[in-house]
Amino acid sequence: MKPAWLPDGSGFLYLLAGNIFSADASGQNRQQLTFFAPGEQAERVSPAPDGAYVVIERRLGSASTLWLMERSNPANMWPLVAGSKPDWSRVNPSVPPGTSTKRVYLPAVQR
């Protein structure tokens, strides 16, 4: 997998043996963020625009689920929806003319 760079360029996330790791921009200061049980693994990662959270595809058998993980405390994870290929949008959504002025920001987008 290609590294998932943090938006500020300070480092990146990568997968190794089904778990998520982080490293600084030079590839040093490696840290394992997840410790999945045998048979469960991370497939893809997508950091939030501010880098504080990560949407991950978590796979168990043939089922994939998107989860939200707090990067500074990876033990904090919340399931979002069944699905795959997380992609955290880097563009603010626009409001179509004639609709409410409220905007809804979703943490993950399935494609």
C-alpha atoms as a PDB file:
ATOM      1  CA  MET A   1       0.000   0.000   0.000  1.00  0.00           C
ATOM      2  CA  LYS A   2       1.113   3.527  -0.673  1.00  0.00           C
ATOM      3  CA  PRO A   3       1.660   5.598   2.465  1.00  0.00           C
ATOM      4  CA  ALA A   4      -1.233   7.800   3.547  1.00  0.00           C
ATOM      5  CA  TRP A   5       0.443  11.157   4.158  1.00  0.00           C
ATOM      6  CA  LEU A   6      -0.796  13.363   6.960  1.00  0.00           C
ATOM      7  CA  PRO A   7      -2.189  16.642   5.578  1.00  0.00           C
ATOM      8  CA  ASP A   8       0.524  18.753   7.244  1.00  0.00           C
ATOM      9  CA  GLY A   9       3.282  16.576   5.743  1.00  0.00           C
ATOM     10  CA  SER A  10       4.739  15.728   9.168  1.00  0.00           C
ATOM     11  CA  GLY A  11       4.469  11.991   8.616  1.00  0.00           C
ATOM     12  CA  PHE A  12       2.463   9.168   7.162  1.00  0.00           C
ATOM     13  CA  LEU A  13       0.429   6.098   8.008  1.00  0.00           C
ATOM     14  CA  TYR A  14       1.074   2.692   6.487  1.00  0.00           C
ATOM     15  CA  LEU A  15      -0.096  -0.898   6.797  1.00  0.00           C
ATOM     16  CA  LEU A  16       2.111  -3.802   7.819  1.00  0.00           C
ATOM     17  CA  ALA A  17       0.848  -7.308   8.563  1.00  0.00           C
ATOM     18  CA  GLY A  18      -2.739  -6.019   8.753  1.00  0.00           C
ATOM     19  CA  ASN A  19      -2.047  -3.314  11.343  1.00  0.00           C
ATOM     20  CA  ILE A  20      -1.676   0.461  11.057  1.00  0.00           C
ATOM     21  CA  PHE A  21       1.655   2.127  11.796  1.00  0.00           C
ATOM     22  CA  SER A  22       2.765   5.746  11.759  1.00  0.00           C
ATOM     23  CA  ALA A  23       6.139   7.284  10.991  1.00  0.00           C
ATOM     24  CA  ASP A  24       7.530  10.788  10.676  1.00  0.00           C
ATOM     25  CA  ALA A  25       8.311  12.283   7.265  1.00  0.00           C
ATOM     26  CA  SER A  26      11.787  10.730   7.224  1.00  0.00           C
ATOM     27  CA  GLY A  27      10.392   7.261   7.967  1.00  0.00           C
ATOM     28  CA  GLN A  28      11.692   7.271  11.541  1.00  0.00           C
ATOM     29  CA  ASN A  29       9.865   7.266  14.899  1.00  0.00           C
ATOM     30  CA  ARG A  30       7.698   4.335  13.862  1.00  0.00           C
ATOM     31  CA  GLN A  31       4.763   3.490  16.089  1.00  0.00           C
ATOM     32  CA  GLN A  32       2.210   0.688  15.850  1.00  0.00           C
ATOM     33  CA  LEU A  33      -1.289   2.169  16.213  1.00  0.00           C
ATOM     34  CA  THR A  34      -3.484  -0.940  15.994  1.00  0.00           C
ATOM     35  CA  PHE A  35      -3.180  -4.454  17.376  1.00  0.00           C
ATOM     36  CA  PHE A  36      -5.869  -6.468  15.622  1.00  0.00           C
ATOM     37  CA  ALA A  37      -6.636 -10.060  16.581  1.00  0.00           C
ATOM     38  CA  PRO A  38      -5.711 -12.883  14.169  1.00  0.00           C
ATOM     39  CA  GLY A  39      -8.122 -12.947  11.240  1.00  0.00           C
ATOM     40  CA  GLU A  40      -8.875  -9.235  11.508  1.00  0.00           C
ATOM     41  CA  GLN A  41      -6.904  -6.564   9.679  1.00  0.00           C
ATOM     42  CA  ALA A  42      -6.818  -3.032   8.346  1.00  0.00           C
ATOM     43  CA  GLU A  43      -7.067  -2.795   4.562  1.00  0.00           C
ATOM     44  CA  ARG A  44      -6.937   0.957   3.837  1.00  0.00           C
ATOM     45  CA  VAL A  45      -6.562   4.233   5.748  1.00  0.00           C
ATOM     46  CA  SER A  46      -7.559   7.847   5.055  1.00  0.00           C
ATOM     47  CA  PRO A  47      -6.499  10.655   7.451  1.00  0.00           C
ATOM     48  CA  ALA A  48      -8.818  13.567   8.245  1.00  0.00           C
ATOM     49  CA  PRO A  49      -7.945  16.997   6.818  1.00  0.00           C
ATOM     50  CA  ASP A  50      -6.657  18.064  10.252  1.00  0.00           C
ATOM     51  CA  GLY A  51      -4.852  14.728  10.837  1.00  0.00           C
ATOM     52  CA  ALA A  52      -6.559  14.150  14.198  1.00  0.00           C
ATOM     53  CA  TYR A  53      -8.688  11.212  13.020  1.00  0.00           C
ATOM     54  CA  VAL A  54      -8.356   8.410  10.512  1.00  0.00           C
ATOM     55  CA  VAL A  55     -11.032   6.442   8.690  1.00  0.00           C
ATOM     56  CA  ILE A  56      -9.956   2.845   8.287  1.00  0.00           C
ATOM     57  CA  GLU A  57     -11.319  -0.149   6.448  1.00  0.00           C
ATOM     58  CA  ARG A  58     -11.350  -2.946   9.005  1.00  0.00           C
ATOM     59  CA  ARG A  59     -11.777  -6.441   7.582  1.00  0.00           C
ATOM     60  CA  LEU A  60     -12.867  -9.598   9.384  1.00  0.00           C
ATOM     61  CA  GLY A  61     -13.216 -12.551   7.047  1.00  0.00           C
ATOM     62  CA  SER A  62     -15.060 -11.301   3.981  1.00  0.00           C
ATOM     63  CA  ALA A  63     -16.830  -8.422   5.779  1.00  0.00           C
ATOM     64  CA  SER A  64     -15.413  -4.892   5.649  1.00  0.00           C
ATOM     65  CA  THR A  65     -16.484  -2.045   7.917  1.00  0.00           C
ATOM     66  CA  LEU A  66     -15.381   1.587   7.990  1.00  0.00           C
ATOM     67  CA  TRP A  67     -14.203   2.753  11.413  1.00  0.00           C
ATOM     68  CA  LEU A  68     -13.203   6.146  12.779  1.00  0.00           C
ATOM     69  CA  MET A  69      -9.979   6.098  14.817  1.00  0.00           C
ATOM     70  CA  GLU A  70      -8.518   8.892  16.947  1.00  0.00           C
ATOM     71  CA  ARG A  71      -4.881   9.184  15.874  1.00  0.00           C
ATOM     72  CA  SER A  72      -3.522  10.438  19.221  1.00  0.00           C
ATOM     73  CA  ASN A  73      -5.332   7.636  21.097  1.00  0.00           C
ATOM     74  CA  PRO A  74      -5.857   4.737  18.651  1.00  0.00           C
ATOM     75  CA  ALA A  75      -7.755   2.726  21.282  1.00  0.00           C
ATOM     76  CA  ASN A  76     -10.641   5.133  20.591  1.00  0.00           C
ATOM     77  CA  MET A  77     -12.380   3.608  17.562  1.00  0.00           C
ATOM     78  CA  TRP A  78     -15.987   3.844  16.471  1.00  0.00           C
ATOM     79  CA  PRO A  79     -17.734   1.816  13.755  1.00  0.00           C
ATOM     80  CA  LEU A  80     -19.276   3.934  10.993  1.00  0.00           C
ATOM     81  CA  VAL A  81     -20.858   1.781   8.277  1.00  0.00           C
ATOM     82  CA  ALA A  82     -20.343  -1.462   6.431  1.00  0.00           C
ATOM     83  CA  GLY A  83     -18.194  -0.669   3.418  1.00  0.00           C
ATOM     84  CA  SER A  84     -14.737  -0.311   1.997  1.00  0.00           C
ATOM     85  CA  LYS A  85     -12.325   2.146   0.385  1.00  0.00           C
ATOM     86  CA  PRO A  86     -12.347   5.026   2.891  1.00  0.00           C
ATOM     87  CA  ASP A  87     -11.737   8.436   1.382  1.00  0.00           C
ATOM     88  CA  TRP A  88     -11.846  11.477   3.634  1.00  0.00           C
ATOM     89  CA  SER A  89     -12.796  14.403   1.431  1.00  0.00           C
ATOM     90  CA  ARG A  90     -10.352  17.321   1.349  1.00  0.00           C
ATOM     91  CA  VAL A  91     -12.953  19.689  -0.117  1.00  0.00           C
ATOM     92  CA  ASN A  92     -15.693  21.427   1.845  1.00  0.00           C
ATOM     93  CA  PRO A  93     -19.125  20.483   0.520  1.00  0.00           C
ATOM     94  CA  SER A  94     -21.072  23.141  -1.321  1.00  0.00           C
ATOM     95  CA  VAL A  95     -24.694  23.985  -0.639  1.00  0.00           C
ATOM     96  CA  PRO A  96     -26.948  23.714  -3.702  1.00  0.00           C
ATOM     97  CA  PRO A  97     -28.931  26.894  -4.452  1.00  0.00           C
ATOM     98  CA  GLY A  98     -32.399  27.034  -2.892  1.00  0.00           C
ATOM     99  CA  THR A  99     -31.571  24.615  -0.080  1.00  0.00           C
ATOM    100  CA  SER A 100     -30.812  25.052   3.580  1.00  0.00           C
ATOM    101  CA  THR A 101     -27.673  26.973   4.466  1.00  0.00           C
ATOM    102  CA  LYS A 102     -26.672  24.277   6.947  1.00  0.00           C
ATOM    103  CA  ARG A 103     -23.819  22.049   5.877  1.00  0.00           C
ATOM    104  CA  VAL A 104     -23.344  18.448   6.836  1.00  0.00           C
ATOM    105  CA  TYR A 105     -19.788  17.178   7.115  1.00  0.00           C
ATOM    106  CA  LEU A 106     -19.410  13.428   6.899  1.00  0.00           C
ATOM    107  CA  PRO A 107     -16.207  11.841   8.161  1.00  0.00           C
ATOM    108  CA  ALA A 108     -16.102   9.137   5.484  1.00  0.00           C
ATOM    109  CA  VAL A 109     -17.241   8.744   1.931  1.00  0.00           C
ATOM    110  CA  GLN A 110     -17.763   5.405   0.241  1.00  0.00           C
ATOM    111  CA  ARG A 111     -16.988   5.189  -3.451  1.00  0.00           C
END
